């Protein structure tokens, strides 16, 4: 009878390596993006108004450090830009939707 134990050990070692090198970092990046999104949403609620980007970013960075979420600065900047861009598109979409609902307050049709 052929002993396949060494072959199975090699297969499991390969699977463990793939899991550690590819899957775990992928999941971690998704989790990090989720928590950064939470921090950005919180900053948007706390610091209302325009021209407060630096305050919002400082809040997000402090919140991430406080919660032991480590992200390098370039990656954090890219994630913040993506999240803020998405928020701006959503807000613009809502504004466009509000303007197209037929209730034009500026119209003097009477």
C-alpha atoms as a PDB file:
ATOM      1  CA  UNK A   1       0.000   0.000   0.000  1.00  0.00           C
ATOM      2  CA  UNK A   2       1.236   3.511  -0.858  1.00  0.00           C
ATOM      3  CA  UNK A   3       1.697   5.969   1.994  1.00  0.00           C
ATOM      4  CA  UNK A   4       0.251   9.338   0.913  1.00  0.00           C
ATOM      5  CA  UNK A   5       0.931  11.090   4.215  1.00  0.00           C
ATOM      6  CA  UNK A   6       3.876  13.159   2.876  1.00  0.00           C
ATOM      7  CA  UNK A   7       1.786  14.253  -0.106  1.00  0.00           C
ATOM      8  CA  UNK A   8      -1.107  15.296   2.132  1.00  0.00           C
ATOM      9  CA  UNK A   9       1.287  17.183   4.435  1.00  0.00           C
ATOM     10  CA  UNK A  10       2.668  19.052   1.427  1.00  0.00           C
ATOM     11  CA  UNK A  11      -0.836  19.908   0.190  1.00  0.00           C
ATOM     12  CA  UNK A  12      -1.914  21.194   3.607  1.00  0.00           C
ATOM     13  CA  UNK A  13       1.294  23.192   3.963  1.00  0.00           C
ATOM     14  CA  UNK A  14       0.683  24.775   0.562  1.00  0.00           C
ATOM     15  CA  UNK A  15      -2.920  25.593   1.475  1.00  0.00           C
ATOM     16  CA  UNK A  16      -1.793  27.146   4.762  1.00  0.00           C
ATOM     17  CA  UNK A  17       0.774  29.270   2.914  1.00  0.00           C
ATOM     18  CA  UNK A  18      -1.813  30.459   0.408  1.00  0.00           C
ATOM     19  CA  UNK A  19      -4.207  31.267   3.233  1.00  0.00           C
ATOM     20  CA  UNK A  20      -1.561  33.228   5.106  1.00  0.00           C
ATOM     21  CA  UNK A  21      -0.188  35.127   2.122  1.00  0.00           C
ATOM     22  CA  UNK A  22      -3.315  35.866   0.088  1.00  0.00           C
ATOM     23  CA  UNK A  23      -6.549  35.340   1.980  1.00  0.00           C
ATOM     24  CA  UNK A  24      -5.680  36.851   5.374  1.00  0.00           C
ATOM     25  CA  UNK A  25      -4.321  40.149   3.965  1.00  0.00           C
ATOM     26  CA  UNK A  26      -7.342  40.389   1.651  1.00  0.00           C
ATOM     27  CA  UNK A  27      -9.764  39.991   4.547  1.00  0.00           C
ATOM     28  CA  UNK A  28      -7.747  42.399   6.699  1.00  0.00           C
ATOM     29  CA  UNK A  29      -7.881  45.075   3.989  1.00  0.00           C
ATOM     30  CA  UNK A  30     -11.668  44.696   3.754  1.00  0.00           C
ATOM     31  CA  UNK A  31     -12.041  44.953   7.527  1.00  0.00           C
ATOM     32  CA  UNK A  32      -9.742  47.997   7.631  1.00  0.00           C
ATOM     33  CA  UNK A  33     -11.766  49.687   4.889  1.00  0.00           C
ATOM     34  CA  UNK A  34     -14.952  48.987   6.849  1.00  0.00           C
ATOM     35  CA  UNK A  35     -13.579  50.577  10.026  1.00  0.00           C
ATOM     36  CA  UNK A  36     -12.163  53.551   8.128  1.00  0.00           C
ATOM     37  CA  UNK A  37     -15.612  54.057   6.623  1.00  0.00           C
ATOM     38  CA  UNK A  38     -17.142  54.016  10.108  1.00  0.00           C
ATOM     39  CA  UNK A  39     -14.593  56.594  11.311  1.00  0.00           C
ATOM     40  CA  UNK A  40     -15.240  58.819   8.268  1.00  0.00           C
ATOM     41  CA  UNK A  41     -18.992  58.669   8.834  1.00  0.00           C
ATOM     42  CA  UNK A  42     -18.471  59.635  12.476  1.00  0.00           C
ATOM     43  CA  UNK A  43     -16.191  62.525  11.501  1.00  0.00           C
ATOM     44  CA  UNK A  44     -18.787  63.755   8.994  1.00  0.00           C
ATOM     45  CA  UNK A  45     -21.403  63.804  11.752  1.00  0.00           C
ATOM     46  CA  UNK A  46     -19.148  65.515  14.307  1.00  0.00           C
ATOM     47  CA  UNK A  47     -17.536  68.140  12.064  1.00  0.00           C
ATOM     48  CA  UNK A  48     -20.337  69.577   9.964  1.00  0.00           C
ATOM     49  CA  UNK A  49     -19.678  72.084   7.231  1.00  0.00           C
ATOM     50  CA  UNK A  50     -17.206  72.516   4.442  1.00  0.00           C
ATOM     51  CA  UNK A  51     -13.501  73.343   4.729  1.00  0.00           C
ATOM     52  CA  UNK A  52     -13.073  71.103   7.763  1.00  0.00           C
ATOM     53  CA  UNK A  53     -11.249  68.272   6.002  1.00  0.00           C
ATOM     54  CA  UNK A  54      -8.118  68.485   8.141  1.00  0.00           C
ATOM     55  CA  UNK A  55     -10.148  68.242  11.345  1.00  0.00           C
ATOM     56  CA  UNK A  56     -12.062  65.281   9.980  1.00  0.00           C
ATOM     57  CA  UNK A  57      -8.876  63.526   8.877  1.00  0.00           C
ATOM     58  CA  UNK A  58      -7.251  64.149  12.266  1.00  0.00           C
ATOM     59  CA  UNK A  59     -10.299  62.632  13.941  1.00  0.00           C
ATOM     60  CA  UNK A  60     -10.174  59.553  11.696  1.00  0.00           C
ATOM     61  CA  UNK A  61      -6.438  59.039  12.305  1.00  0.00           C
ATOM     62  CA  UNK A  62      -6.872  59.457  16.070  1.00  0.00           C
ATOM     63  CA  UNK A  63      -9.838  57.075  16.110  1.00  0.00           C
ATOM     64  CA  UNK A  64      -7.932  54.430  14.178  1.00  0.00           C
ATOM     65  CA  UNK A  65      -4.947  54.697  16.538  1.00  0.00           C
ATOM     66  CA  UNK A  66      -7.232  54.576  19.549  1.00  0.00           C
ATOM     67  CA  UNK A  67      -8.791  51.365  18.230  1.00  0.00           C
ATOM     68  CA  UNK A  68      -5.436  49.787  17.290  1.00  0.00           C
ATOM     69  CA  UNK A  69      -6.085  49.777  13.552  1.00  0.00           C
ATOM     70  CA  UNK A  70      -2.782  50.290  11.776  1.00  0.00           C
ATOM     71  CA  UNK A  71      -2.864  51.528   8.176  1.00  0.00           C
ATOM     72  CA  UNK A  72       0.065  53.118   6.359  1.00  0.00           C
ATOM     73  CA  UNK A  73      -0.369  56.783   5.455  1.00  0.00           C
ATOM     74  CA  UNK A  74      -0.512  56.403   1.657  1.00  0.00           C
ATOM     75  CA  UNK A  75      -3.103  53.650   1.896  1.00  0.00           C
ATOM     76  CA  UNK A  76      -5.114  55.645   4.431  1.00  0.00           C
ATOM     77  CA  UNK A  77      -5.083  58.715   2.165  1.00  0.00           C
ATOM     78  CA  UNK A  78      -6.282  56.652  -0.788  1.00  0.00           C
ATOM     79  CA  UNK A  79      -9.053  55.031   1.253  1.00  0.00           C
ATOM     80  CA  UNK A  80     -10.163  58.378   2.653  1.00  0.00           C
ATOM     81  CA  UNK A  81     -10.304  59.930  -0.823  1.00  0.00           C
ATOM     82  CA  UNK A  82     -12.354  56.999  -2.112  1.00  0.00           C
ATOM     83  CA  UNK A  83     -14.788  57.088   0.799  1.00  0.00           C
ATOM     84  CA  UNK A  84     -15.214  60.868   0.702  1.00  0.00           C
ATOM     85  CA  UNK A  85     -15.693  60.744  -3.073  1.00  0.00           C
ATOM     86  CA  UNK A  86     -18.407  58.134  -2.622  1.00  0.00           C
ATOM     87  CA  UNK A  87     -20.093  60.236   0.075  1.00  0.00           C
ATOM     88  CA  UNK A  88     -19.990  63.318  -2.157  1.00  0.00           C
ATOM     89  CA  UNK A  89     -21.555  61.397  -5.055  1.00  0.00           C
ATOM     90  CA  UNK A  90     -24.299  60.114  -2.767  1.00  0.00           C
ATOM     91  CA  UNK A  91     -24.970  63.604  -1.414  1.00  0.00           C
ATOM     92  CA  UNK A  92     -25.015  65.088  -4.916  1.00  0.00           C
ATOM     93  CA  UNK A  93     -27.384  62.358  -6.035  1.00  0.00           C
ATOM     94  CA  UNK A  94     -29.739  63.186  -3.183  1.00  0.00           C
ATOM     95  CA  UNK A  95     -29.537  66.898  -3.994  1.00  0.00           C
ATOM     96  CA  UNK A  96     -30.312  66.209  -7.657  1.00  0.00           C
ATOM     97  CA  UNK A  97     -33.202  63.984  -6.614  1.00  0.00           C
ATOM     98  CA  UNK A  98     -34.591  66.720  -4.333  1.00  0.00           C
ATOM     99  CA  UNK A  99     -34.402  69.290  -7.145  1.00  0.00           C
ATOM    100  CA  UNK A 100     -36.231  67.020  -9.610  1.00  0.00           C
ATOM    101  CA  UNK A 101     -39.209  66.202  -7.403  1.00  0.00           C
ATOM    102  CA  UNK A 102     -41.363  68.958  -8.875  1.00  0.00           C
ATOM    103  CA  UNK A 103     -41.433  71.160  -5.795  1.00  0.00           C
ATOM    104  CA  UNK A 104     -39.403  74.081  -7.071  1.00  0.00           C
ATOM    105  CA  UNK A 105     -39.443  76.603  -4.242  1.00  0.00           C
ATOM    106  CA  UNK A 106     -37.928  79.334  -6.422  1.00  0.00           C
ATOM    107  CA  UNK A 107     -40.625  79.148  -9.094  1.00  0.00           C
ATOM    108  CA  UNK A 108     -43.084  82.015  -9.145  1.00  0.00           C
ATOM    109  CA  UNK A 109     -45.840  80.434 -11.175  1.00  0.00           C
ATOM    110  CA  UNK A 110     -48.803  81.913  -9.279  1.00  0.00           C
END
